[in-house]
């Protein structure tokens, strides 16, 4: 593949950035408090597969 990924990177950069923004927004909505702090209890509960 050598330099194929490097050549194609500019084509997909905007899509990559949109995906990162989307995932970040989803994480904030699901696992952060209103002040922006990570709700570790909620995140650990999700990661362990336990339902509340």
PDB file of N, CA and C in Angstrom:
ATOM      1  N   UNK A   1       0.821  -1.191   0.000  1.00  0.00           N
ATOM      2  CA  UNK A   1       0.000   0.000   0.000  1.00  0.00           C
ATOM      3  C   UNK A   1       0.863   1.252   0.000  1.00  0.00           C
ATOM      4  N   UNK A   2       2.021   1.154   0.523  1.00  0.00           N
ATOM      5  CA  UNK A   2       2.985   2.252   0.586  1.00  0.00           C
ATOM      6  C   UNK A   2       2.345   3.602   0.884  1.00  0.00           C
ATOM      7  N   UNK A   3       2.251   4.471  -0.094  1.00  0.00           N
ATOM      8  CA  UNK A   3       1.774   5.838   0.165  1.00  0.00           C
ATOM      9  C   UNK A   3       0.311   6.063  -0.224  1.00  0.00           C
ATOM     10  N   UNK A   4      -0.432   5.004  -0.502  1.00  0.00           N
ATOM     11  CA  UNK A   4      -1.848   5.143  -0.874  1.00  0.00           C
ATOM     12  C   UNK A   4      -2.654   5.811   0.243  1.00  0.00           C
ATOM     13  N   UNK A   5      -2.521   5.369   1.507  1.00  0.00           N
ATOM     14  CA  UNK A   5      -3.296   6.048   2.562  1.00  0.00           C
ATOM     15  C   UNK A   5      -2.963   7.537   2.673  1.00  0.00           C
ATOM     16  N   UNK A   6      -1.715   7.892   2.528  1.00  0.00           N
ATOM     17  CA  UNK A   6      -1.319   9.285   2.608  1.00  0.00           C
ATOM     18  C   UNK A   6      -1.941  10.108   1.486  1.00  0.00           C
ATOM     19  N   UNK A   7      -2.009   9.538   0.306  1.00  0.00           N
ATOM     20  CA  UNK A   7      -2.606  10.249  -0.825  1.00  0.00           C
ATOM     21  C   UNK A   7      -4.109  10.447  -0.637  1.00  0.00           C
ATOM     22  N   UNK A   8      -4.785   9.485  -0.020  1.00  0.00           N
ATOM     23  CA  UNK A   8      -6.232   9.551   0.128  1.00  0.00           C
ATOM     24  C   UNK A   8      -6.694  10.298   1.382  1.00  0.00           C
ATOM     25  N   UNK A   9      -5.792  10.555   2.283  1.00  0.00           N
ATOM     26  CA  UNK A   9      -6.158  11.201   3.540  1.00  0.00           C
ATOM     27  C   UNK A   9      -6.908  12.518   3.344  1.00  0.00           C
ATOM     28  N   UNK A  10      -6.475  13.405   2.469  1.00  0.00           N
ATOM     29  CA  UNK A  10      -7.205  14.673   2.294  1.00  0.00           C
ATOM     30  C   UNK A  10      -8.663  14.485   1.846  1.00  0.00           C
ATOM     31  N   UNK A  11      -8.939  13.444   1.074  1.00  0.00           N
ATOM     32  CA  UNK A  11     -10.303  13.194   0.608  1.00  0.00           C
ATOM     33  C   UNK A  11     -11.245  12.899   1.770  1.00  0.00           C
ATOM     34  N   UNK A  12     -10.740  12.241   2.785  1.00  0.00           N
ATOM     35  CA  UNK A  12     -11.573  11.764   3.879  1.00  0.00           C
ATOM     36  C   UNK A  12     -11.447  12.576   5.157  1.00  0.00           C
ATOM     37  N   UNK A  13     -10.603  13.580   5.156  1.00  0.00           N
ATOM     38  CA  UNK A  13     -10.358  14.353   6.372  1.00  0.00           C
ATOM     39  C   UNK A  13     -11.646  14.978   6.920  1.00  0.00           C
ATOM     40  N   UNK A  14     -12.448  15.608   6.079  1.00  0.00           N
ATOM     41  CA  UNK A  14     -13.682  16.251   6.543  1.00  0.00           C
ATOM     42  C   UNK A  14     -14.650  15.215   7.130  1.00  0.00           C
ATOM     43  N   UNK A  15     -14.768  14.070   6.476  1.00  0.00           N
ATOM     44  CA  UNK A  15     -15.640  13.018   6.999  1.00  0.00           C
ATOM     45  C   UNK A  15     -15.136  12.495   8.337  1.00  0.00           C
ATOM     46  N   UNK A  16     -13.831  12.355   8.458  1.00  0.00           N
ATOM     47  CA  UNK A  16     -13.224  11.896   9.710  1.00  0.00           C
ATOM     48  C   UNK A  16     -13.528  12.891  10.832  1.00  0.00           C
ATOM     49  N   UNK A  17     -13.352  14.173  10.552  1.00  0.00           N
ATOM     50  CA  UNK A  17     -13.599  15.201  11.555  1.00  0.00           C
ATOM     51  C   UNK A  17     -15.068  15.244  11.958  1.00  0.00           C
ATOM     52  N   UNK A  18     -15.963  15.043  11.015  1.00  0.00           N
ATOM     53  CA  UNK A  18     -17.394  14.995  11.328  1.00  0.00           C
ATOM     54  C   UNK A  18     -17.704  13.811  12.250  1.00  0.00           C
ATOM     55  N   UNK A  19     -17.098  12.669  11.976  1.00  0.00           N
ATOM     56  CA  UNK A  19     -17.319  11.482  12.806  1.00  0.00           C
ATOM     57  C   UNK A  19     -16.802  11.719  14.220  1.00  0.00           C
ATOM     58  N   UNK A  20     -15.628  12.309  14.342  1.00  0.00           N
ATOM     59  CA  UNK A  20     -15.069  12.600  15.665  1.00  0.00           C
ATOM     60  C   UNK A  20     -15.997  13.545  16.423  1.00  0.00           C
ATOM     61  N   UNK A  21     -16.498  14.576  15.751  1.00  0.00           N
ATOM     62  CA  UNK A  21     -17.411  15.519  16.399  1.00  0.00           C
ATOM     63  C   UNK A  21     -18.701  14.838  16.837  1.00  0.00           C
ATOM     64  N   UNK A  22     -19.231  13.962  15.989  1.00  0.00           N
ATOM     65  CA  UNK A  22     -20.463  13.252  16.301  1.00  0.00           C
ATOM     66  C   UNK A  22     -20.273  12.340  17.525  1.00  0.00           C
ATOM     67  N   UNK A  23     -19.176  11.584  17.548  1.00  0.00           N
ATOM     68  CA  UNK A  23     -18.911  10.683  18.668  1.00  0.00           C
ATOM     69  C   UNK A  23     -18.642  11.463  19.955  1.00  0.00           C
ATOM     70  N   UNK A  24     -17.958  12.587  19.849  1.00  0.00           N
ATOM     71  CA  UNK A  24     -17.689  13.417  21.017  1.00  0.00           C
ATOM     72  C   UNK A  24     -18.993  13.969  21.591  1.00  0.00           C
ATOM     73  N   UNK A  25     -19.865  14.461  20.720  1.00  0.00           N
ATOM     74  CA  UNK A  25     -21.156  14.988  21.174  1.00  0.00           C
ATOM     75  C   UNK A  25     -21.989  13.900  21.843  1.00  0.00           C
ATOM     76  N   UNK A  26     -21.965  12.706  21.278  1.00  0.00           N
ATOM     77  CA  UNK A  26     -22.721  11.591  21.858  1.00  0.00           C
ATOM     78  C   UNK A  26     -22.157  11.212  23.227  1.00  0.00           C
ATOM     79  N   UNK A  27     -20.834  11.182  23.345  1.00  0.00           N
ATOM     80  CA  UNK A  27     -20.204  10.869  24.626  1.00  0.00           C
ATOM     81  C   UNK A  27     -20.594  11.905  25.677  1.00  0.00           C
ATOM     82  N   UNK A  28     -20.522  13.179  25.304  1.00  0.00           N
ATOM     83  CA  UNK A  28     -20.871  14.252  26.241  1.00  0.00           C
ATOM     84  C   UNK A  28     -22.330  14.127  26.676  1.00  0.00           C
ATOM     85  N   UNK A  29     -23.211  13.869  25.726  1.00  0.00           N
ATOM     86  CA  UNK A  29     -24.642  13.746  26.048  1.00  0.00           C
ATOM     87  C   UNK A  29     -24.909  12.553  26.962  1.00  0.00           C
ATOM     88  N   UNK A  30     -24.197  11.467  26.752  1.00  0.00           N
ATOM     89  CA  UNK A  30     -24.462  10.233  27.501  1.00  0.00           C
ATOM     90  C   UNK A  30     -23.699  10.112  28.816  1.00  0.00           C
ATOM     91  N   UNK A  31     -22.500  10.678  28.881  1.00  0.00           N
ATOM     92  CA  UNK A  31     -21.632  10.384  30.020  1.00  0.00           C
ATOM     93  C   UNK A  31     -21.031  11.595  30.727  1.00  0.00           C
ATOM     94  N   UNK A  32     -21.566  12.776  30.475  1.00  0.00           N
ATOM     95  CA  UNK A  32     -21.047  13.959  31.166  1.00  0.00           C
ATOM     96  C   UNK A  32     -22.170  14.655  31.925  1.00  0.00           C
ATOM     97  N   UNK A  33     -21.777  15.326  32.993  1.00  0.00           N
ATOM     98  CA  UNK A  33     -22.744  16.088  33.776  1.00  0.00           C
ATOM     99  C   UNK A  33     -23.004  17.417  33.076  1.00  0.00           C
ATOM    100  N   UNK A  34     -23.937  18.187  33.614  1.00  0.00           N
ATOM    101  CA  UNK A  34     -24.256  19.492  33.023  1.00  0.00           C
ATOM    102  C   UNK A  34     -23.065  20.452  33.070  1.00  0.00           C
ATOM    103  N   UNK A  35     -22.135  20.211  34.002  1.00  0.00           N
ATOM    104  CA  UNK A  35     -20.953  21.072  34.108  1.00  0.00           C
ATOM    105  C   UNK A  35     -19.826  20.626  33.177  1.00  0.00           C
ATOM    106  N   UNK A  36     -20.022  19.498  32.514  1.00  0.00           N
ATOM    107  CA  UNK A  36     -19.013  19.007  31.582  1.00  0.00           C
ATOM    108  C   UNK A  36     -18.085  17.950  32.153  1.00  0.00           C
ATOM    109  N   UNK A  37     -18.244  17.632  33.432  1.00  0.00           N
ATOM    110  CA  UNK A  37     -17.412  16.605  34.057  1.00  0.00           C
ATOM    111  C   UNK A  37     -17.900  15.218  33.626  1.00  0.00           C
ATOM    112  N   UNK A  38     -16.980  14.281  33.553  1.00  0.00           N
ATOM    113  CA  UNK A  38     -17.349  12.911  33.207  1.00  0.00           C
ATOM    114  C   UNK A  38     -18.054  12.269  34.395  1.00  0.00           C
ATOM    115  N   UNK A  39     -19.197  11.671  34.137  1.00  0.00           N
ATOM    116  CA  UNK A  39     -19.933  10.927  35.156  1.00  0.00           C
ATOM    117  C   UNK A  39     -19.365   9.505  35.153  1.00  0.00           C
ATOM    118  N   UNK A  40     -18.331   9.316  35.972  1.00  0.00           N
ATOM    119  CA  UNK A  40     -17.589   8.055  35.951  1.00  0.00           C
ATOM    120  C   UNK A  40     -18.456   6.868  36.341  1.00  0.00           C
ATOM    121  N   UNK A  41     -19.377   7.064  37.279  1.00  0.00           N
ATOM    122  CA  UNK A  41     -20.257   5.957  37.674  1.00  0.00           C
ATOM    123  C   UNK A  41     -21.077   5.482  36.482  1.00  0.00           C
ATOM    124  N   UNK A  42     -21.630   6.409  35.746  1.00  0.00           N
ATOM    125  CA  UNK A  42     -22.445   6.074  34.572  1.00  0.00           C
ATOM    126  C   UNK A  42     -21.595   5.399  33.490  1.00  0.00           C
ATOM    127  N   UNK A  43     -20.394   5.918  33.283  1.00  0.00           N
ATOM    128  CA  UNK A  43     -19.503   5.359  32.266  1.00  0.00           C
ATOM    129  C   UNK A  43     -19.049   3.947  32.631  1.00  0.00           C
ATOM    130  N   UNK A  44     -18.692   3.736  33.893  1.00  0.00           N
ATOM    131  CA  UNK A  44     -18.259   2.406  34.342  1.00  0.00           C
ATOM    132  C   UNK A  44     -19.420   1.426  34.268  1.00  0.00           C
ATOM    133  N   UNK A  45     -20.604   1.869  34.648  1.00  0.00           N
ATOM    134  CA  UNK A  45     -21.781   1.015  34.577  1.00  0.00           C
ATOM    135  C   UNK A  45     -22.030   0.599  33.129  1.00  0.00           C
ATOM    136  N   UNK A  46     -21.914   1.520  32.214  1.00  0.00           N
ATOM    137  CA  UNK A  46     -22.080   1.201  30.789  1.00  0.00           C
ATOM    138  C   UNK A  46     -21.002   0.222  30.326  1.00  0.00           C
ATOM    139  N   UNK A  47     -19.770   0.476  30.709  1.00  0.00           N
ATOM    140  CA  UNK A  47     -18.657  -0.363  30.308  1.00  0.00           C
ATOM    141  C   UNK A  47     -18.730  -1.771  30.863  1.00  0.00           C
ATOM    142  N   UNK A  48     -19.373  -1.919  32.012  1.00  0.00           N
ATOM    143  CA  UNK A  48     -19.477  -3.248  32.622  1.00  0.00           C
ATOM    144  C   UNK A  48     -20.678  -4.013  32.097  1.00  0.00           C
ATOM    145  N   UNK A  49     -21.533  -3.340  31.323  1.00  0.00           N
ATOM    146  CA  UNK A  49     -22.695  -4.004  30.749  1.00  0.00           C
ATOM    147  C   UNK A  49     -23.865  -4.137  31.702  1.00  0.00           C
ATOM    148  N   UNK A  50     -23.788  -3.469  32.847  1.00  0.00           N
ATOM    149  CA  UNK A  50     -24.868  -3.554  33.828  1.00  0.00           C
ATOM    150  C   UNK A  50     -25.971  -2.545  33.472  1.00  0.00           C
ATOM    151  N   UNK A  51     -27.188  -2.995  33.639  1.00  0.00           N
ATOM    152  CA  UNK A  51     -28.340  -2.105  33.433  1.00  0.00           C
ATOM    153  C   UNK A  51     -28.728  -1.493  34.761  1.00  0.00           C
ATOM    154  N   UNK A  52     -29.213  -0.271  34.721  1.00  0.00           N
ATOM    155  CA  UNK A  52     -29.630   0.404  35.940  1.00  0.00           C
ATOM    156  C   UNK A  52     -31.097   0.190  36.207  1.00  0.00           C
TER     157      UNK A  52
END
